[in-house]
Amino acid sequence: MQSRVEALLAPSVVTLGTSGLGDRPDAVATARSLLTSQHRLVDTSNAYDEGRSEQVLGQAIADLGGLPEGVQVISKADRDLATGVFDRDRVLRSFEESTSRLGLDTLPLYQLHDPYTITFEEAMAPGGAVQGLVELREQGAVGAIGVAAGPSSLIRQYVQTDVFDAVLSHNRYTLVDSSAADLFEAARRRDMVVFNAAPYGGGLLAAAERAGADARYAYRPAPEELLDWVHRASRVCARHGVSLAAVALAFSTRSQVVSSTVVGAGTAARLAELDALLAVETPAEVWPELESLGTPPTTVTD
């Protein structure tokens, strides 16, 4: 049986990410393509491109005469970028900014985003950021609240409060790093919606064939040992007629602990590539062959 939040969000296999969308000259046209695609959720944030991501999506929504049927936009509350303040009042202002840019009165999901300038205790205290999110949910301004960040150790504290409806982590559940598995399993036991972002580790697994010494994984230089593993994995996939990118995406989309995989789609070409990758069927023989390569080294630490 679906949980209340799953029924509310109806998460599709892939959620389209819009970080970086606002910096592109064809941003509004791309946003219209995202909103009219086969994917039902589009993810943005108050701070993406200093608000331009939300502005672009808002313009696209207006151009379309409103959100297409069945499509939803989810966003995130962010700290004050000038001061780092992230408390109840900042969350409420962030929500007002987000909905104003998007041209929407309510949001199905609003997430606490990258709470790195405050401690967990400060976030949970009276007058803290979480109080602001809870108030928005109680008022019906948002249907659900979530927490979105990178480090599993940080996110786990928020998940264990049983306050949140959804969780998003990035770069911690990929073909080469499944360190967020326990976190996601704990969230699913609580009937939370789980968003797994950056299934390519920031790009390395999407372009393994071209990865060189300057390649990066999770925003850090990729060590030689990781590059070697990725190149060997790419050859395994090639022998079976599939790309490592398709397999890396399938690793997340086939997982029982992931509700939806968040993939950046900043251009129409990237959206088309994503749809092509989703259509690829990974041969069953690929998975044990990749396991035989041994545990891949990663650079992600919490």
Protein backbone atom coordinates (compact mmCIF):
# COMPACT_ATOMS: atom_id res chain seq x y z
CA MET A 1 0.00 0.00 0.00
CA GLN A 2 1.23 3.49 -0.86
CA SER A 3 2.04 5.86 1.98
CA ARG A 4 0.27 9.21 2.18
CA VAL A 5 3.34 11.00 0.84
CA GLU A 6 3.86 8.55 -2.03
CA ALA A 7 0.24 9.08 -3.03
CA LEU A 8 0.70 12.85 -2.80
CA LEU A 9 3.91 13.03 -4.80
CA ALA A 10 3.35 10.04 -7.10
CA PRO A 11 7.12 9.92 -7.67
CA SER A 12 8.13 8.86 -11.16
CA VAL A 13 11.16 6.66 -11.80
CA VAL A 14 13.18 9.78 -12.54
CA THR A 15 12.85 13.27 -11.11
CA LEU A 16 14.33 16.00 -13.30
CA GLY A 17 16.92 18.18 -11.57
CA THR A 18 17.38 21.82 -12.53
CA SER A 19 20.60 22.92 -10.88
CA GLY A 20 22.39 25.10 -13.43
CA LEU A 21 19.29 25.54 -15.59
CA GLY A 22 19.05 29.27 -14.93
CA ASP A 23 22.46 30.05 -16.42
CA ARG A 24 21.60 28.85 -19.93
CA PRO A 25 20.37 31.14 -22.76
CA ASP A 26 17.71 28.61 -23.77
CA ALA A 27 16.66 28.01 -20.17
CA VAL A 28 12.95 28.81 -20.53
CA ALA A 29 12.55 26.64 -23.62
CA THR A 30 14.37 23.82 -21.83
CA ALA A 31 12.13 24.26 -18.78
CA ARG A 32 9.06 23.92 -20.98
CA SER A 33 10.52 20.67 -22.35
CA LEU A 34 11.04 19.35 -18.83
CA LEU A 35 7.51 20.21 -17.77
CA THR A 36 5.97 18.55 -20.82
CA SER A 37 8.13 15.42 -20.77
CA GLN A 38 7.13 11.95 -19.60
CA HIS A 39 8.55 12.66 -16.13
CA ARG A 40 6.15 13.82 -13.45
CA LEU A 41 8.42 15.59 -10.93
CA VAL A 42 10.77 18.53 -11.47
CA ASP A 43 13.16 19.41 -8.63
CA THR A 44 14.55 22.87 -7.97
CA SER A 45 15.75 24.97 -5.03
CA ASN A 46 15.56 28.52 -3.70
CA ALA A 47 19.34 28.87 -4.06
CA TYR A 48 19.90 27.25 -7.47
CA ASP A 49 21.53 29.92 -9.61
CA GLU A 50 20.57 32.41 -6.88
CA GLY A 51 16.89 31.90 -7.61
CA ARG A 52 17.10 31.91 -11.39
CA SER A 53 16.20 28.22 -11.66
CA GLU A 54 12.87 28.89 -9.98
CA GLN A 55 12.35 32.04 -12.06
CA VAL A 56 12.92 30.13 -15.30
CA LEU A 57 10.54 27.38 -14.26
CA GLY A 58 7.98 30.00 -13.26
CA GLN A 59 8.19 31.62 -16.68
CA ALA A 60 7.79 28.23 -18.36
CA ILE A 61 4.76 27.43 -16.19
CA ALA A 62 3.23 30.77 -17.14
CA ASP A 63 3.95 30.16 -20.84
CA LEU A 64 2.15 26.81 -20.61
CA GLY A 65 -0.83 28.36 -18.85
CA GLY A 66 -0.09 26.42 -15.67
CA LEU A 67 1.45 23.11 -14.78
CA PRO A 68 0.55 20.28 -17.16
CA GLU A 69 -1.81 17.73 -15.65
CA GLY A 70 -0.01 15.32 -13.35
CA VAL A 71 3.24 17.31 -13.28
CA GLN A 72 4.55 18.77 -10.02
CA VAL A 73 7.43 21.04 -9.09
CA ILE A 74 9.18 20.46 -5.76
CA SER A 75 11.65 22.88 -4.22
CA LYS A 76 13.88 23.46 -1.22
CA ALA A 77 14.31 26.01 1.54
CA ASP A 78 17.78 27.53 1.65
CA ARG A 79 19.76 29.59 4.12
CA ASP A 80 20.20 33.30 3.57
CA LEU A 81 23.10 33.29 1.12
CA ALA A 82 24.50 36.56 2.46
CA THR A 83 24.41 35.82 6.19
CA GLY A 84 24.10 32.05 6.48
CA VAL A 85 21.04 32.45 8.72
CA PHE A 86 18.79 29.40 8.55
CA ASP A 87 16.00 29.59 11.11
CA ARG A 88 12.20 29.49 11.17
CA ASP A 89 11.79 32.99 9.75
CA ARG A 90 14.31 32.31 6.98
CA VAL A 91 12.43 29.14 5.96
CA LEU A 92 9.17 31.07 5.74
CA ARG A 93 10.82 33.81 3.66
CA SER A 94 12.47 31.19 1.47
CA PHE A 95 9.06 29.61 0.82
CA GLU A 96 7.57 32.98 -0.10
CA GLU A 97 10.45 33.61 -2.50
CA SER A 98 10.12 30.17 -4.07
CA THR A 99 6.38 30.31 -4.63
CA SER A 100 6.57 33.87 -5.94
CA ARG A 101 9.19 32.93 -8.53
CA LEU A 102 7.35 29.77 -9.53
CA GLY A 103 3.94 31.45 -9.64
CA LEU A 104 2.48 28.72 -7.42
CA ASP A 105 0.52 29.12 -4.19
CA THR A 106 1.47 25.76 -2.69
CA LEU A 107 4.13 23.11 -3.18
CA PRO A 108 3.74 19.34 -2.80
CA LEU A 109 7.17 19.06 -1.14
CA TYR A 110 9.50 21.61 0.41
CA GLN A 111 12.86 20.42 1.71
CA LEU A 112 15.43 21.60 4.22
CA HIS A 113 18.40 22.07 1.91
CA ASP A 114 22.08 21.79 2.88
CA PRO A 115 21.76 22.86 6.54
CA TYR A 116 25.51 23.27 6.87
CA THR A 117 25.57 26.69 8.57
CA ILE A 118 23.59 25.42 11.56
CA THR A 119 23.84 22.46 13.88
CA PHE A 120 21.24 19.72 14.02
CA GLU A 121 20.27 20.95 17.48
CA GLU A 122 19.76 24.50 16.20
CA ALA A 123 17.63 23.25 13.32
CA MET A 124 15.36 21.26 15.63
CA ALA A 125 15.10 23.86 18.43
CA PRO A 126 12.07 26.15 18.91
CA GLY A 127 12.39 28.91 16.32
CA GLY A 128 14.65 26.70 14.22
CA ALA A 129 14.41 25.87 10.55
CA VAL A 130 12.45 22.67 11.07
CA GLN A 131 9.74 24.53 12.97
CA GLY A 132 9.23 26.68 9.89
CA LEU A 133 8.82 23.64 7.67
CA VAL A 134 6.39 21.99 10.10
CA GLU A 135 4.31 25.16 10.21
CA LEU A 136 4.10 25.26 6.43
CA ARG A 137 2.89 21.66 6.39
CA GLU A 138 0.35 22.27 9.15
CA GLN A 139 -1.00 25.30 7.27
CA GLY A 140 -1.38 23.28 4.07
CA ALA A 141 1.10 25.51 2.23
CA VAL A 142 3.17 22.39 1.50
CA GLY A 143 1.95 18.84 1.30
CA ALA A 144 5.11 17.28 2.72
CA ILE A 145 8.51 18.26 4.10
CA GLY A 146 11.90 16.71 3.51
CA VAL A 147 15.61 17.02 4.17
CA ALA A 148 18.12 17.21 1.33
CA ALA A 149 21.90 17.17 1.68
CA GLY A 150 24.97 15.06 1.03
CA PRO A 151 26.50 13.47 4.14
CA SER A 152 24.55 10.43 5.31
CA SER A 153 25.63 10.94 8.91
CA LEU A 154 24.01 14.38 8.94
CA ILE A 155 20.82 13.36 7.17
CA ARG A 156 20.39 10.31 9.39
CA GLN A 157 19.85 12.54 12.41
CA TYR A 158 16.92 14.26 10.71
CA VAL A 159 15.43 10.98 9.47
CA GLN A 160 15.47 9.56 12.99
CA THR A 161 13.28 12.39 14.29
CA ASP A 162 10.29 10.99 12.35
CA VAL A 163 9.35 14.59 11.49
CA PHE A 164 10.09 14.39 7.77
CA ASP A 165 8.20 12.83 4.89
CA ALA A 166 11.03 12.63 2.37
CA VAL A 167 14.81 12.46 2.15
CA LEU A 168 17.25 13.33 -0.63
CA SER A 169 20.93 12.43 -0.69
CA HIS A 170 23.43 12.83 -3.51
CA ASN A 171 26.57 10.96 -4.59
CA ARG A 172 26.16 8.35 -1.84
CA TYR A 173 24.20 5.69 -3.71
CA THR A 174 25.89 4.98 -7.02
CA LEU A 175 27.46 2.11 -8.88
CA VAL A 176 30.73 2.82 -7.04
CA ASP A 177 29.45 3.95 -3.63
CA SER A 178 26.40 2.58 -1.83
CA SER A 179 27.19 4.13 1.54
CA ALA A 180 23.71 5.67 1.75
CA ALA A 181 22.02 2.25 1.58
CA ASP A 182 21.45 2.04 5.35
CA LEU A 183 20.11 5.59 5.41
CA PHE A 184 17.67 4.89 2.58
CA GLU A 185 16.55 1.62 4.18
CA ALA A 186 15.86 3.42 7.45
CA ALA A 187 13.85 6.06 5.60
CA ARG A 188 11.81 3.46 3.71
CA ARG A 189 10.96 1.70 6.98
CA ARG A 190 9.44 5.02 8.04
CA ASP A 191 7.40 5.19 4.81
CA MET A 192 9.46 8.16 3.64
CA VAL A 193 9.92 8.97 -0.03
CA VAL A 194 13.59 8.52 -0.97
CA PHE A 195 15.21 10.63 -3.66
CA ASN A 196 18.63 9.48 -4.86
CA ALA A 197 20.44 12.32 -6.62
CA ALA A 198 23.58 12.31 -8.76
CA PRO A 199 23.56 8.64 -9.83
CA TYR A 200 26.57 9.38 -12.06
CA GLY A 201 28.65 10.78 -9.21
CA GLY A 202 28.64 14.23 -10.73
CA GLY A 203 29.39 13.02 -14.25
CA LEU A 204 32.19 10.45 -14.09
CA LEU A 205 29.92 7.45 -14.62
CA ALA A 206 28.07 9.19 -17.45
CA ALA A 207 31.22 9.73 -19.52
CA ALA A 208 33.54 6.95 -18.42
CA GLU A 209 34.91 6.37 -21.93
CA ARG A 210 36.25 9.93 -22.01
CA ALA A 211 37.38 10.13 -18.38
CA GLY A 212 40.98 11.25 -18.04
CA ALA A 213 43.35 12.29 -15.30
CA ASP A 214 41.30 15.42 -14.62
CA ALA A 215 38.06 13.48 -14.03
CA ARG A 216 36.05 14.20 -10.90
CA TYR A 217 33.72 12.19 -8.73
CA ALA A 218 31.36 13.86 -6.23
CA TYR A 219 33.00 17.25 -6.90
CA ARG A 220 36.48 15.93 -6.04
CA PRO A 221 39.35 14.73 -8.22
CA ALA A 222 38.85 11.05 -8.94
CA PRO A 223 41.76 8.95 -7.67
CA GLU A 224 43.64 6.77 -10.11
CA GLU A 225 42.32 3.60 -8.50
CA LEU A 226 38.73 4.72 -9.06
CA LEU A 227 39.41 5.68 -12.67
CA ASP A 228 40.93 2.24 -13.25
CA TRP A 229 37.83 0.53 -11.82
CA VAL A 230 35.51 2.70 -13.90
CA HIS A 231 37.43 1.97 -17.10
CA ARG A 232 37.32 -1.78 -16.40
CA ALA A 233 33.59 -1.54 -15.63
CA SER A 234 33.05 0.34 -18.87
CA ARG A 235 34.70 -2.49 -20.80
CA VAL A 236 32.45 -5.03 -19.06
CA CYS A 237 29.37 -3.08 -20.10
CA ALA A 238 30.65 -2.66 -23.66
CA ARG A 239 31.06 -6.42 -24.03
CA HIS A 240 27.34 -6.74 -23.31
CA GLY A 241 26.35 -3.94 -25.67
CA VAL A 242 25.40 -1.33 -23.08
CA SER A 243 27.06 1.81 -21.79
CA LEU A 244 28.28 2.32 -18.24
CA ALA A 245 26.00 5.37 -18.09
CA ALA A 246 22.93 3.22 -18.71
CA VAL A 247 24.03 0.69 -16.10
CA ALA A 248 24.82 3.42 -13.55
CA LEU A 249 21.34 4.83 -14.02
CA ALA A 250 19.78 1.38 -13.76
CA PHE A 251 21.65 0.74 -10.50
CA SER A 252 19.53 3.47 -8.92
CA THR A 253 16.25 3.08 -10.77
CA ARG A 254 16.04 -0.68 -10.10
CA SER A 255 16.75 -0.29 -6.38
CA GLN A 256 13.97 -1.18 -3.94
CA VAL A 257 15.07 1.54 -1.51
CA VAL A 258 14.91 4.40 -4.03
CA SER A 259 11.56 6.02 -4.78
CA SER A 260 12.89 8.30 -7.53
CA THR A 261 16.30 9.06 -9.03
CA VAL A 262 17.11 12.74 -9.46
CA VAL A 263 19.01 13.39 -12.70
CA GLY A 264 20.08 16.80 -13.92
CA ALA A 265 18.54 17.77 -17.25
CA GLY A 266 19.76 21.25 -18.08
CA THR A 267 19.30 21.01 -21.86
CA ALA A 268 16.85 19.43 -24.29
CA ALA A 269 19.70 17.22 -25.54
CA ARG A 270 20.42 16.01 -22.01
CA LEU A 271 16.73 15.18 -21.54
CA ALA A 272 16.71 13.15 -24.77
CA GLU A 273 19.88 11.33 -23.68
CA LEU A 274 18.26 10.52 -20.34
CA ASP A 275 15.19 9.05 -22.00
CA ALA A 276 17.41 6.94 -24.26
CA LEU A 277 19.34 5.60 -21.27
CA LEU A 278 16.13 4.72 -19.46
CA ALA A 279 15.04 2.64 -22.43
CA VAL A 280 18.15 0.44 -22.24
CA GLU A 281 17.68 -3.00 -20.70
CA THR A 282 20.74 -4.09 -18.75
CA PRO A 283 21.63 -7.75 -19.35
CA ALA A 284 21.47 -9.75 -16.12
CA GLU A 285 25.03 -10.96 -16.65
CA VAL A 286 26.42 -7.44 -16.21
CA TRP A 287 25.76 -7.22 -12.46
CA PRO A 288 27.80 -10.25 -11.30
CA GLU A 289 30.62 -9.32 -13.67
CA LEU A 290 30.80 -5.85 -12.15
CA GLU A 291 30.80 -7.38 -8.67
CA SER A 292 33.74 -9.55 -9.69
CA LEU A 293 35.80 -6.39 -10.25
CA GLY A 294 35.90 -5.90 -6.48
CA THR A 295 34.81 -3.00 -4.31
CA PRO A 296 35.53 0.28 -6.11
CA PRO A 297 37.48 2.93 -4.17
CA THR A 298 35.67 6.23 -3.68
CA THR A 299 36.50 9.70 -2.40
CA VAL A 300 33.25 10.39 -0.56
CA THR A 301 33.53 10.68 3.22
CA ASP A 302 30.99 11.86 5.79
